C-alpha atoms as a PDB file:
ATOM      1  CA  MET A   1     122.202 -52.630-111.289  1.00  0.00           C
ATOM      2  CA  LYS A   2     119.616 -55.209-110.258  1.00  0.00           C
ATOM      3  CA  THR A   3     121.754 -56.291-107.324  1.00  0.00           C
ATOM      4  CA  ALA A   4     121.935 -52.762-106.062  1.00  0.00           C
ATOM      5  CA  ILE A   5     118.182 -52.373-106.281  1.00  0.00           C
ATOM      6  CA  LEU A   6     117.628 -55.515-104.267  1.00  0.00           C
ATOM      7  CA  GLY A   7     119.854 -54.223-101.501  1.00  0.00           C
ATOM      8  CA  ARG A   8     122.852 -56.488-102.054  1.00  0.00           C
ATOM      9  CA  GLY A   9     125.151 -53.915-103.605  1.00  0.00           C
ATOM     10  CA  LYS A  10     124.589 -51.218-101.005  1.00  0.00           C
ATOM     11  CA  GLY A  11     127.099 -50.331 -98.350  1.00  0.00           C
ATOM     12  CA  LYS A  12     126.607 -51.075 -94.702  1.00  0.00           C
ATOM     13  CA  GLU A  13     126.052 -47.416 -93.951  1.00  0.00           C
ATOM     14  CA  THR A  14     123.000 -47.283 -96.274  1.00  0.00           C
ATOM     15  CA  ASN A  15     121.272 -50.315 -94.800  1.00  0.00           C
ATOM     16  CA  ALA A  16     122.103 -49.777 -91.146  1.00  0.00           C
ATOM     17  CA  ALA A  17     119.513 -47.096 -90.393  1.00  0.00           C
ATOM     18  CA  PRO A  18     116.480 -48.961 -91.801  1.00  0.00           C
ATOM     19  CA  PHE A  19     117.575 -52.141 -90.058  1.00  0.00           C
ATOM     20  CA  LYS A  20     117.959 -50.428 -86.689  1.00  0.00           C
ATOM     21  CA  SER A  21     114.683 -48.575 -87.227  1.00  0.00           C
ATOM     22  CA  GLY A  22     112.811 -51.802 -88.002  1.00  0.00           C
ATOM     23  CA  ALA A  23     114.329 -53.655 -85.053  1.00  0.00           C
ATOM     24  CA  LEU A  24     113.516 -50.750 -82.741  1.00  0.00           C
ATOM     25  CA  GLN A  25     109.897 -50.680 -83.953  1.00  0.00           C
ATOM     26  CA  GLN A  26     109.510 -54.396 -83.218  1.00  0.00           C
ATOM     27  CA  ILE A  27     110.985 -53.946 -79.759  1.00  0.00           C
ATOM     28  CA  LEU A  28     108.594 -51.048 -79.087  1.00  0.00           C
ATOM     29  CA  ALA A  29     105.626 -53.071 -80.319  1.00  0.00           C
ATOM     30  CA  PHE A  30     106.577 -56.076 -78.184  1.00  0.00           C
ATOM     31  CA  THR A  31     107.126 -53.825 -75.167  1.00  0.00           C
ATOM     32  CA  SER A  32     103.681 -52.303 -75.730  1.00  0.00           C
ATOM     33  CA  LEU A  33     102.180 -55.796 -75.800  1.00  0.00           C
ATOM     34  CA  ILE A  34     103.835 -56.701 -72.491  1.00  0.00           C
ATOM     35  CA  VAL A  35     102.706 -53.421 -70.905  1.00  0.00           C
ATOM     36  CA  LEU A  36      99.108 -54.036 -72.015  1.00  0.00           C
ATOM     37  CA  VAL A  37      99.142 -57.584 -70.624  1.00  0.00           C
ATOM     38  CA  LEU A  38     100.543 -56.379 -67.286  1.00  0.00           C
ATOM     39  CA  PHE A  39      98.075 -53.494 -67.079  1.00  0.00           C
ATOM     40  CA  PHE A  40      94.991 -55.617 -67.736  1.00  0.00           C
ATOM     41  CA  SER A  41      96.291 -58.376 -65.458  1.00  0.00           C
ATOM     42  CA  LEU A  42      96.543 -55.884 -62.600  1.00  0.00           C
ATOM     43  CA  ALA A  43      93.233 -54.232 -63.486  1.00  0.00           C
ATOM     44  CA  SER A  44      91.258 -57.489 -63.498  1.00  0.00           C
ATOM     45  CA  SER A  45      91.941 -60.893 -61.994  1.00  0.00           C
ATOM     46  CA  ASN A  46      89.958 -62.455 -64.837  1.00  0.00           C
ATOM     47  CA  PHE A  47      92.360 -61.340 -67.542  1.00  0.00           C
ATOM     48  CA  PHE A  48      95.398 -63.517 -66.981  1.00  0.00           C
ATOM     49  CA  GLN A  49      93.536 -66.810 -66.804  1.00  0.00           C
ATOM     50  CA  PHE A  50      94.167 -69.720 -69.125  1.00  0.00           C
ATOM     51  CA  ASP A  51      90.723 -69.688 -70.735  1.00  0.00           C
ATOM     52  CA  ASN A  52      90.908 -65.962 -71.393  1.00  0.00           C
ATOM     53  CA  ILE A  53      94.421 -66.170 -72.853  1.00  0.00           C
ATOM     54  CA  VAL A  54      93.249 -68.982 -75.141  1.00  0.00           C
ATOM     55  CA  GLY A  55      90.291 -66.811 -76.112  1.00  0.00           C
ATOM     56  CA  ILE A  56      92.647 -63.961 -77.013  1.00  0.00           C
ATOM     57  CA  LEU A  57      94.784 -66.255 -79.152  1.00  0.00           C
ATOM     58  CA  LEU A  58      91.697 -67.667 -80.846  1.00  0.00           C
ATOM     59  CA  SER A  59      90.351 -64.214 -81.654  1.00  0.00           C
ATOM     60  CA  THR A  60      93.785 -63.243 -82.967  1.00  0.00           C
ATOM     61  CA  ALA A  61      93.903 -66.133 -85.440  1.00  0.00           C
ATOM     62  CA  VAL A  62      91.526 -64.745 -88.074  1.00  0.00           C
ATOM     63  CA  THR A  63      92.689 -61.118 -87.890  1.00  0.00           C
ATOM     64  CA  GLY A  64      96.277 -62.317 -87.654  1.00  0.00           C
ATOM     65  CA  VAL A  65      96.115 -64.397 -90.838  1.00  0.00           C
ATOM     66  CA  LEU A  66      94.534 -61.440 -92.648  1.00  0.00           C
ATOM     67  CA  ALA A  67      97.357 -59.254 -91.319  1.00  0.00           C
ATOM     68  CA  LEU A  68      99.956 -61.705 -92.647  1.00  0.00           C
ATOM     69  CA  GLY A  69      98.559 -61.343 -96.153  1.00  0.00           C
ATOM     70  CA  SER A  70      98.176 -57.587 -95.842  1.00  0.00           C
ATOM     71  CA  THR A  71     101.857 -57.316 -94.861  1.00  0.00           C
ATOM     72  CA  PHE A  72     102.957 -58.405 -98.341  1.00  0.00           C
ATOM     73  CA  VAL A  73     100.816 -55.785-100.070  1.00  0.00           C
ATOM     74  CA  ILE A  74     101.662 -52.936 -97.691  1.00  0.00           C
ATOM     75  CA  VAL A  75     105.401 -53.644 -97.988  1.00  0.00           C
ATOM     76  CA  THR A  76     105.033 -52.860-101.721  1.00  0.00           C
ATOM     77  CA  GLY A  77     103.492 -49.509-100.808  1.00  0.00           C
ATOM     78  CA  GLY A  78     100.020 -50.717-101.816  1.00  0.00           C
ATOM     79  CA  ILE A  79      96.873 -51.479 -99.863  1.00  0.00           C
ATOM     80  CA  ASP A  80      94.126 -54.102 -99.942  1.00  0.00           C
ATOM     81  CA  LEU A  81      90.772 -52.984 -98.577  1.00  0.00           C
ATOM     82  CA  SER A  82      89.008 -56.120 -99.783  1.00  0.00           C
ATOM     83  CA  VAL A  83      90.437 -58.736 -97.406  1.00  0.00           C
ATOM     84  CA  GLY A  84      87.459 -58.578 -95.011  1.00  0.00           C
ATOM     85  CA  THR A  85      84.698 -59.178 -97.540  1.00  0.00           C
ATOM     86  CA  VAL A  86      86.824 -61.535 -99.656  1.00  0.00           C
ATOM     87  CA  MET A  87      87.288 -63.580 -96.479  1.00  0.00           C
ATOM     88  CA  THR A  88      83.488 -63.759 -96.204  1.00  0.00           C
ATOM     89  CA  LEU A  89      83.167 -64.768 -99.853  1.00  0.00           C
ATOM     90  CA  CYS A  90      85.732 -67.539 -99.292  1.00  0.00           C
ATOM     91  CA  SER A  91      83.666 -68.802 -96.341  1.00  0.00           C
ATOM     92  CA  VAL A  92      80.485 -68.767 -98.433  1.00  0.00           C
ATOM     93  CA  MET A  93      82.125 -70.543-101.369  1.00  0.00           C
ATOM     94  CA  THR A  94      83.516 -73.180 -99.014  1.00  0.00           C
ATOM     95  CA  GLY A  95      79.976 -73.718 -97.732  1.00  0.00           C
ATOM     96  CA  VAL A  96      78.642 -73.980-101.289  1.00  0.00           C
ATOM     97  CA  PHE A  97      81.351 -76.443-102.316  1.00  0.00           C
ATOM     98  CA  ILE A  98      80.928 -78.693 -99.268  1.00  0.00           C
ATOM     99  CA  THR A  99      77.229 -78.512 -98.363  1.00  0.00           C
ATOM    100  CA  GLY A 100      75.748 -77.513-101.703  1.00  0.00           C
ATOM    101  CA  MET A 101      77.865 -79.407-104.222  1.00  0.00           C
ATOM    102  CA  GLY A 102      78.864 -82.288-101.973  1.00  0.00           C
ATOM    103  CA  TRP A 103      82.611 -81.899-102.409  1.00  0.00           C
ATOM    104  CA  PRO A 104      84.868 -83.660 -99.874  1.00  0.00           C
ATOM    105  CA  VAL A 105      85.877 -81.336 -97.039  1.00  0.00           C
ATOM    106  CA  PRO A 106      89.583 -81.067 -98.051  1.00  0.00           C
ATOM    107  CA  VAL A 107      88.638 -80.258-101.651  1.00  0.00           C
ATOM    108  CA  GLY A 108      86.030 -77.719-100.502  1.00  0.00           C
ATOM    109  CA  ILE A 109      88.642 -76.050 -98.305  1.00  0.00           C
ATOM    110  CA  LEU A 110      91.044 -75.810-101.243  1.00  0.00           C
ATOM    111  CA  GLY A 111      88.201 -74.335-103.281  1.00  0.00           C
ATOM    112  CA  GLY A 112      87.637 -71.675-100.616  1.00  0.00           C
ATOM    113  CA  ILE A 113      91.329 -70.768-100.531  1.00  0.00           C
ATOM    114  CA  ALA A 114      91.415 -70.708-104.344  1.00  0.00           C
ATOM    115  CA  THR A 115      88.521 -68.225-104.276  1.00  0.00           C
ATOM    116  CA  GLY A 116      90.695 -65.852-102.244  1.00  0.00           C
ATOM    117  CA  ALA A 117      93.617 -66.372-104.616  1.00  0.00           C
ATOM    118  CA  VAL A 118      91.431 -65.543-107.639  1.00  0.00           C
ATOM    119  CA  CYS A 119      90.152 -62.354-105.977  1.00  0.00           C
ATOM    120  CA  GLY A 120      93.718 -61.292-105.187  1.00  0.00           C
ATOM    121  CA  PHE A 121      94.772 -62.129-108.733  1.00  0.00           C
ATOM    122  CA  LEU A 122      91.965 -60.002-110.206  1.00  0.00           C
ATOM    123  CA  SER A 123      92.825 -57.088-107.906  1.00  0.00           C
ATOM    124  CA  GLY A 124      96.441 -57.362-109.055  1.00  0.00           C
ATOM    125  CA  LEU A 125      95.379 -57.322-112.700  1.00  0.00           C
ATOM    126  CA  ALA A 126      93.174 -54.270-112.159  1.00  0.00           C
ATOM    127  CA  ILE A 127      96.118 -52.447-110.578  1.00  0.00           C
ATOM    128  CA  THR A 128      98.772 -53.460-113.096  1.00  0.00           C
ATOM    129  CA  ARG A 129      96.891 -53.766-116.397  1.00  0.00           C
ATOM    130  CA  MET A 130      94.124 -51.196-115.935  1.00  0.00           C
ATOM    131  CA  LYS A 131      96.391 -48.846-113.945  1.00  0.00           C
ATOM    132  CA  ILE A 132      93.735 -48.369-111.264  1.00  0.00           C
ATOM    133  CA  PRO A 133      95.186 -47.154-107.931  1.00  0.00           C
ATOM    134  CA  PRO A 134      95.300 -49.959-105.319  1.00  0.00           C
ATOM    135  CA  PHE A 135      92.926 -48.065-103.019  1.00  0.00           C
ATOM    136  CA  ILE A 136      90.213 -47.869-105.693  1.00  0.00           C
ATOM    137  CA  ALA A 137      90.824 -51.324-107.186  1.00  0.00           C
ATOM    138  CA  THR A 138      90.592 -53.115-103.851  1.00  0.00           C
ATOM    139  CA  LEU A 139      87.680 -50.933-102.744  1.00  0.00           C
ATOM    140  CA  ALA A 140      85.828 -52.125-105.844  1.00  0.00           C
ATOM    141  CA  MET A 141      86.805 -55.731-105.070  1.00  0.00           C
ATOM    142  CA  MET A 142      85.515 -55.228-101.526  1.00  0.00           C
ATOM    143  CA  MET A 143      82.089 -54.256-102.895  1.00  0.00           C
ATOM    144  CA  ILE A 144      82.087 -57.036-105.490  1.00  0.00           C
ATOM    145  CA  ALA A 145      82.985 -59.706-102.913  1.00  0.00           C
ATOM    146  CA  LYS A 146      80.387 -58.385-100.481  1.00  0.00           C
ATOM    147  CA  GLY A 147      77.676 -58.492-103.133  1.00  0.00           C
ATOM    148  CA  LEU A 148      78.662 -61.935-104.417  1.00  0.00           C
ATOM    149  CA  ALA A 149      78.662 -63.389-100.892  1.00  0.00           C
ATOM    150  CA  LEU A 150      75.089 -62.165-100.374  1.00  0.00           C
ATOM    151  CA  VAL A 151      73.885 -63.252-103.826  1.00  0.00           C
ATOM    152  CA  ILE A 152      75.450 -66.722-103.753  1.00  0.00           C
ATOM    153  CA  SER A 153      74.212 -67.464-100.221  1.00  0.00           C
ATOM    154  CA  GLY A 154      70.788 -65.961-100.849  1.00  0.00           C
ATOM    155  CA  THR A 155      71.567 -63.590 -97.911  1.00  0.00           C
ATOM    156  CA  LYS A 156      71.214 -66.590 -95.570  1.00  0.00           C
ATOM    157  CA  PRO A 157      73.915 -68.304 -93.502  1.00  0.00           C
ATOM    158  CA  ILE A 158      75.248 -71.620 -94.751  1.00  0.00           C
ATOM    159  CA  TYR A 159      75.595 -74.092 -91.897  1.00  0.00           C
ATOM    160  CA  PHE A 160      78.051 -76.973 -91.647  1.00  0.00           C
ATOM    161  CA  THR A 161      75.973 -78.936 -89.142  1.00  0.00           C
ATOM    162  CA  LYS A 162      75.844 -81.904 -91.517  1.00  0.00           C
ATOM    163  CA  THR A 163      79.590 -81.821 -92.037  1.00  0.00           C
ATOM    164  CA  PRO A 164      81.074 -83.680 -89.059  1.00  0.00           C
ATOM    165  CA  GLY A 165      84.398 -82.361 -87.884  1.00  0.00           C
ATOM    166  CA  PHE A 166      84.359 -79.106 -89.830  1.00  0.00           C
ATOM    167  CA  SER A 167      84.290 -77.018 -86.662  1.00  0.00           C
ATOM    168  CA  GLU A 168      87.260 -79.018 -85.387  1.00  0.00           C
ATOM    169  CA  ILE A 169      89.466 -77.355 -87.995  1.00  0.00           C
ATOM    170  CA  ALA A 170      89.497 -74.197 -85.864  1.00  0.00           C
ATOM    171  CA  LEU A 171      88.150 -75.242 -82.481  1.00  0.00           C
ATOM    172  CA  GLY A 172      89.576 -78.740 -82.142  1.00  0.00           C
ATOM    173  CA  SER A 173      92.924 -79.457 -80.522  1.00  0.00           C
ATOM    174  CA  ILE A 174      95.119 -82.094 -82.124  1.00  0.00           C
ATOM    175  CA  ILE A 175      98.139 -80.996 -80.055  1.00  0.00           C
ATOM    176  CA  PRO A 176      97.960 -81.585 -76.282  1.00  0.00           C
ATOM    177  CA  GLY A 177      97.466 -78.431 -74.225  1.00  0.00           C
ATOM    178  CA  ASN A 178      93.933 -77.385 -75.161  1.00  0.00           C
ATOM    179  CA  ILE A 179      95.197 -74.769 -77.597  1.00  0.00           C
ATOM    180  CA  PRO A 180      92.709 -74.570 -80.519  1.00  0.00           C
ATOM    181  CA  ASN A 181      93.910 -75.640 -83.944  1.00  0.00           C
ATOM    182  CA  ALA A 182      93.191 -72.152 -85.310  1.00  0.00           C
ATOM    183  CA  VAL A 183      96.026 -70.787 -83.166  1.00  0.00           C
ATOM    184  CA  TRP A 184      98.491 -73.361 -84.489  1.00  0.00           C
ATOM    185  CA  ILE A 185      97.346 -72.704 -88.070  1.00  0.00           C
ATOM    186  CA  PHE A 186      97.977 -69.008 -87.494  1.00  0.00           C
ATOM    187  CA  PHE A 187     101.479 -69.631 -86.164  1.00  0.00           C
ATOM    188  CA  VAL A 188     102.327 -72.045 -88.995  1.00  0.00           C
ATOM    189  CA  ALA A 189     101.025 -69.491 -91.534  1.00  0.00           C
ATOM    190  CA  ALA A 190     103.198 -66.846 -89.848  1.00  0.00           C
ATOM    191  CA  VAL A 191     106.310 -69.034 -90.143  1.00  0.00           C
ATOM    192  CA  LEU A 192     105.580 -69.759 -93.810  1.00  0.00           C
ATOM    193  CA  GLY A 193     104.867 -66.076 -94.445  1.00  0.00           C
ATOM    194  CA  GLY A 194     108.118 -65.102 -92.742  1.00  0.00           C
ATOM    195  CA  ILE A 195     110.096 -67.526 -94.894  1.00  0.00           C
ATOM    196  CA  LEU A 196     108.354 -66.293 -98.029  1.00  0.00           C
ATOM    197  CA  LEU A 197     109.032 -62.642 -97.210  1.00  0.00           C
ATOM    198  CA  THR A 198     112.662 -62.978 -96.121  1.00  0.00           C
ATOM    199  CA  LYS A 199     114.113 -66.074 -97.796  1.00  0.00           C
ATOM    200  CA  THR A 200     112.642 -66.150-101.308  1.00  0.00           C
ATOM    201  CA  ILE A 201     112.793 -64.114-104.488  1.00  0.00           C
ATOM    202  CA  VAL A 202     109.155 -63.102-103.917  1.00  0.00           C
ATOM    203  CA  GLY A 203     110.122 -61.340-100.709  1.00  0.00           C
ATOM    204  CA  ARG A 204     113.188 -59.778-102.308  1.00  0.00           C
ATOM    205  CA  TYR A 205     111.139 -58.218-105.079  1.00  0.00           C
ATOM    206  CA  ASN A 206     108.439 -57.368-102.552  1.00  0.00           C
ATOM    207  CA  PHE A 207     110.835 -55.046-100.701  1.00  0.00           C
ATOM    208  CA  ALA A 208     112.353 -53.772-103.939  1.00  0.00           C
ATOM    209  CA  LEU A 209     108.933 -52.655-105.207  1.00  0.00           C
ATOM    210  CA  GLY A 210     108.202 -50.857-101.970  1.00  0.00           C
ATOM    211  CA  SER A 211     111.619 -49.195-101.776  1.00  0.00           C
ATOM    212  CA  ASN A 212     111.740 -47.849-105.327  1.00  0.00           C
ATOM    213  CA  GLU A 213     109.366 -49.272-107.920  1.00  0.00           C
ATOM    214  CA  GLU A 214     110.706 -47.226-110.825  1.00  0.00           C
ATOM    215  CA  ALA A 215     114.311 -48.205-110.142  1.00  0.00           C
ATOM    216  CA  THR A 216     113.212 -51.830-109.856  1.00  0.00           C
ATOM    217  CA  ARG A 217     111.503 -51.563-113.249  1.00  0.00           C
ATOM    218  CA  LEU A 218     114.580 -49.980-114.824  1.00  0.00           C
ATOM    219  CA  SER A 219     116.713 -52.822-113.472  1.00  0.00           C
ATOM    220  CA  GLY A 220     114.804 -55.223-115.712  1.00  0.00           C
ATOM    221  CA  VAL A 221     112.317 -56.655-113.212  1.00  0.00           C
ATOM    222  CA  ASN A 222     108.796 -57.340-114.505  1.00  0.00           C
ATOM    223  CA  VAL A 223     107.089 -55.166-111.894  1.00  0.00           C
ATOM    224  CA  ASN A 224     103.535 -55.935-113.009  1.00  0.00           C
ATOM    225  CA  TYR A 225     104.106 -59.695-112.861  1.00  0.00           C
ATOM    226  CA  TRP A 226     105.410 -59.590-109.300  1.00  0.00           C
ATOM    227  CA  LYS A 227     102.656 -57.255-108.157  1.00  0.00           C
ATOM    228  CA  VAL A 228     100.024 -59.712-109.375  1.00  0.00           C
ATOM    229  CA  ILE A 229     101.876 -62.526-107.581  1.00  0.00           C
ATOM    230  CA  ILE A 230     101.936 -60.539-104.340  1.00  0.00           C
ATOM    231  CA  TYR A 231      98.230 -59.686-104.439  1.00  0.00           C
ATOM    232  CA  THR A 232      97.481 -63.343-105.182  1.00  0.00           C
ATOM    233  CA  ILE A 233      99.508 -64.383-102.126  1.00  0.00           C
ATOM    234  CA  THR A 234      97.459 -61.947-100.050  1.00  0.00           C
ATOM    235  CA  GLY A 235      94.354 -63.624-101.457  1.00  0.00           C
ATOM    236  CA  VAL A 236      95.603 -67.044-100.359  1.00  0.00           C
ATOM    237  CA  PHE A 237      96.039 -65.841 -96.777  1.00  0.00           C
ATOM    238  CA  THR A 238      92.582 -64.271 -96.968  1.00  0.00           C
ATOM    239  CA  GLY A 239      91.154 -67.622 -98.060  1.00  0.00           C
ATOM    240  CA  ILE A 240      92.786 -69.352 -95.086  1.00  0.00           C
ATOM    241  CA  ALA A 241      91.240 -66.733 -92.786  1.00  0.00           C
ATOM    242  CA  GLY A 242      87.866 -67.431 -94.397  1.00  0.00           C
ATOM    243  CA  ILE A 243      88.172 -71.152 -93.637  1.00  0.00           C
ATOM    244  CA  LEU A 244      89.091 -70.412 -90.010  1.00  0.00           C
ATOM    245  CA  MET A 245      86.157 -68.024 -89.642  1.00  0.00           C
ATOM    246  CA  ALA A 246      83.686 -70.510 -91.126  1.00  0.00           C
ATOM    247  CA  SER A 247      85.028 -73.329 -88.971  1.00  0.00           C
ATOM    248  CA  ARG A 248      84.956 -71.239 -85.814  1.00  0.00           C
ATOM    249  CA  LEU A 249      81.303 -70.285 -86.382  1.00  0.00           C
ATOM    250  CA  ASN A 250      80.470 -73.665 -87.994  1.00  0.00           C
ATOM    251  CA  SER A 251      78.719 -71.591 -90.646  1.00  0.00           C
ATOM    252  CA  ALA A 252      79.370 -69.103 -93.436  1.00  0.00           C
ATOM    253  CA  GLN A 253      77.822 -65.773 -92.468  1.00  0.00           C
ATOM    254  CA  PRO A 254      77.466 -63.644 -95.635  1.00  0.00           C
ATOM    255  CA  ALA A 255      76.898 -60.419 -93.686  1.00  0.00           C
ATOM    256  CA  LEU A 256      80.203 -60.641 -91.779  1.00  0.00           C
ATOM    257  CA  GLY A 257      83.562 -59.368 -92.948  1.00  0.00           C
ATOM    258  CA  SER A 258      83.262 -55.591 -93.152  1.00  0.00           C
ATOM    259  CA  GLY A 259      85.705 -53.985 -90.738  1.00  0.00           C
ATOM    260  CA  TYR A 260      88.165 -56.864 -90.614  1.00  0.00           C
ATOM    261  CA  GLU A 261      90.310 -55.172 -93.270  1.00  0.00           C
ATOM    262  CA  LEU A 262      90.795 -52.174 -90.969  1.00  0.00           C
ATOM    263  CA  GLU A 263      91.810 -54.398 -88.066  1.00  0.00           C
ATOM    264  CA  ALA A 264      94.274 -56.248 -90.294  1.00  0.00           C
ATOM    265  CA  ILE A 265      95.818 -53.036 -91.630  1.00  0.00           C
ATOM    266  CA  ALA A 266      95.995 -51.624 -88.101  1.00  0.00           C
ATOM    267  CA  ALA A 267      97.807 -54.754 -86.884  1.00  0.00           C
ATOM    268  CA  VAL A 268     100.325 -54.484 -89.725  1.00  0.00           C
ATOM    269  CA  VAL A 269     101.017 -50.787 -89.073  1.00  0.00           C
ATOM    270  CA  ILE A 270     101.233 -51.249 -85.291  1.00  0.00           C
ATOM    271  CA  GLY A 271     103.755 -54.017 -85.958  1.00  0.00           C
ATOM    272  CA  GLY A 272     106.064 -51.595 -87.734  1.00  0.00           C
ATOM    273  CA  THR A 273     105.308 -52.064 -91.426  1.00  0.00           C
ATOM    274  CA  SER A 274     105.516 -48.703 -93.176  1.00  0.00           C
ATOM    275  CA  LEU A 275     102.491 -47.569 -95.179  1.00  0.00           C
ATOM    276  CA  SER A 276     104.901 -45.972 -97.647  1.00  0.00           C
ATOM    277  CA  GLY A 277     106.351 -49.416 -98.388  1.00  0.00           C
ATOM    278  CA  GLY A 278     109.808 -50.919 -98.369  1.00  0.00           C
ATOM    279  CA  LYS A 279     109.836 -51.991 -94.723  1.00  0.00           C
ATOM    280  CA  GLY A 280     107.996 -54.533 -92.621  1.00  0.00           C
ATOM    281  CA  THR A 281     108.145 -57.953 -91.003  1.00  0.00           C
ATOM    282  CA  ILE A 282     105.805 -60.858 -90.426  1.00  0.00           C
ATOM    283  CA  LEU A 283     106.844 -60.987 -86.759  1.00  0.00           C
ATOM    284  CA  GLY A 284     105.828 -57.355 -86.371  1.00  0.00           C
ATOM    285  CA  SER A 285     102.387 -58.100 -87.853  1.00  0.00           C
ATOM    286  CA  VAL A 286     101.932 -61.024 -85.463  1.00  0.00           C
ATOM    287  CA  ILE A 287     102.761 -58.754 -82.520  1.00  0.00           C
ATOM    288  CA  GLY A 288     100.432 -56.085 -83.901  1.00  0.00           C
ATOM    289  CA  ALA A 289      97.557 -58.568 -84.199  1.00  0.00           C
ATOM    290  CA  LEU A 290      98.141 -59.706 -80.607  1.00  0.00           C
ATOM    291  CA  ILE A 291      98.134 -56.084 -79.417  1.00  0.00           C
ATOM    292  CA  MET A 292      94.775 -55.501 -81.108  1.00  0.00           C
ATOM    293  CA  SER A 293      93.262 -58.630 -79.523  1.00  0.00           C
ATOM    294  CA  VAL A 294      94.687 -57.957 -76.050  1.00  0.00           C
ATOM    295  CA  LEU A 295      93.447 -54.369 -76.171  1.00  0.00           C
ATOM    296  CA  THR A 296      89.936 -55.358 -77.252  1.00  0.00           C
ATOM    297  CA  ASN A 297      89.723 -58.232 -74.779  1.00  0.00           C
ATOM    298  CA  GLY A 298      91.050 -56.164 -71.877  1.00  0.00           C
ATOM    299  CA  LEU A 299      88.630 -53.319 -72.513  1.00  0.00           C
ATOM    300  CA  ARG A 300      85.769 -55.802 -72.690  1.00  0.00           C
ATOM    301  CA  ILE A 301      86.766 -57.386 -69.376  1.00  0.00           C
ATOM    302  CA  LEU A 302      86.879 -53.923 -67.803  1.00  0.00           C
ATOM    303  CA  SER A 303      83.292 -53.434 -69.061  1.00  0.00           C
ATOM    304  CA  VAL A 304      84.239 -50.543 -71.317  1.00  0.00           C
ATOM    305  CA  PRO A 305      81.278 -49.914 -73.669  1.00  0.00           C
ATOM    306  CA  GLN A 306      81.666 -51.174 -77.241  1.00  0.00           C
ATOM    307  CA  GLU A 307      81.562 -47.675 -78.713  1.00  0.00           C
ATOM    308  CA  TRP A 308      84.460 -46.551 -76.499  1.00  0.00           C
ATOM    309  CA  GLN A 309      86.427 -49.661 -77.425  1.00  0.00           C
ATOM    310  CA  THR A 310      86.173 -48.545 -81.050  1.00  0.00           C
ATOM    311  CA  VAL A 311      87.358 -45.048 -80.103  1.00  0.00           C
ATOM    312  CA  VAL A 312      90.408 -46.445 -78.272  1.00  0.00           C
ATOM    313  CA  VAL A 313      91.347 -48.711 -81.179  1.00  0.00           C
ATOM    314  CA  GLY A 314      91.055 -45.746 -83.544  1.00  0.00           C
ATOM    315  CA  LEU A 315      93.373 -43.681 -81.357  1.00  0.00           C
ATOM    316  CA  VAL A 316      95.889 -46.528 -81.288  1.00  0.00           C
ATOM    317  CA  ILE A 317      95.847 -46.652 -85.107  1.00  0.00           C
ATOM    318  CA  ILE A 318      96.455 -42.891 -85.321  1.00  0.00           C
ATOM    319  CA  LEU A 319      99.356 -43.209 -82.881  1.00  0.00           C
ATOM    320  CA  ALA A 320     100.882 -46.075 -84.877  1.00  0.00           C
ATOM    321  CA  VAL A 321     100.653 -44.187 -88.182  1.00  0.00           C
ATOM    322  CA  TYR A 322     102.041 -41.019 -86.592  1.00  0.00           C
ATOM    323  CA  THR A 323     104.975 -42.997 -85.190  1.00  0.00           C
ATOM    324  CA  ASP A 324     105.652 -44.411 -88.659  1.00  0.00           C
ATOM    325  CA  MET A 325     105.614 -40.892 -90.143  1.00  0.00           C
ATOM    326  CA  MET A 326     108.036 -39.587 -87.520  1.00  0.00           C
ATOM    327  CA  ARG A 327     110.350 -42.528 -88.102  1.00  0.00           C
ATOM    328  CA  ARG A 328     110.402 -41.902 -91.864  1.00  0.00           C
ATOM    329  CA  ARG A 329     111.120 -38.213 -91.375  1.00  0.00           C
ATOM    330  CA  LYS A 330     114.120 -39.006 -89.191  1.00  0.00           C
ATOM    331  CA  ARG A 331     115.406 -41.438 -91.802  1.00  0.00           C
END
């Protein structure tokens, strides 16, 4: 029975529709990205310039890494509203470890990523052991992380000015071509996330939970164990995003973070991951994150006021969710 739950015992007819639907959604998302790039390139000569394209990729890195982690949770049919403020907490803890406690930079970075993993682990426990709905559990974690970041930092930024080379983690360029390291870290994280989601048992159970959690439980799978693992993985990606954010700003800003979770979720949904669970890809989330960055950057270049940029992004999110609903109804 377990094989059937994991999709290996099904007939071709059963799996064909979801596969075609997912591939079509990725094609639509990629086409939308190309259309946006062409539109803004024609609307402004400043858009399709090397420096601006690099800027778009750099701004995509943080949101994109958050979106990678959010993909795992949303594929299960869950949600994580805490990734924005947990990212901030990871940045603050990295600053405390390196500048306050004098830890070596690599160890401090691992400590920051571990902070994200612990937050994800605790969210997973709250959902599985305390039976708190993911929306409420991660909302509580969002508030806890926000408060801890302010308390631990004393509501003041933590600067890495006395830590030579820290800013180079995100803004340096170890590969010729003047592409910032943050972009390469994002792409490497995407490749690793893709392998984890499609080629490992974690990914297999990830999709099984999202497709039919009760059937997965009845097949003998320890559902609670794998849920905690998945939320912990999301926390690891959140920690990486926190390091990139701190390095990019060369400081840990305890007041930042709120709102990033919405951008990450929007990128995941735009990329074709279903909010009802059971379907999604890392490639789709990468495309979704790029769409969000291109849209924001293009509107800024066209001098669209900030408040209207927010309105447009909100409309795009509604359209993406509506498309997902229509696709599920047809299936």
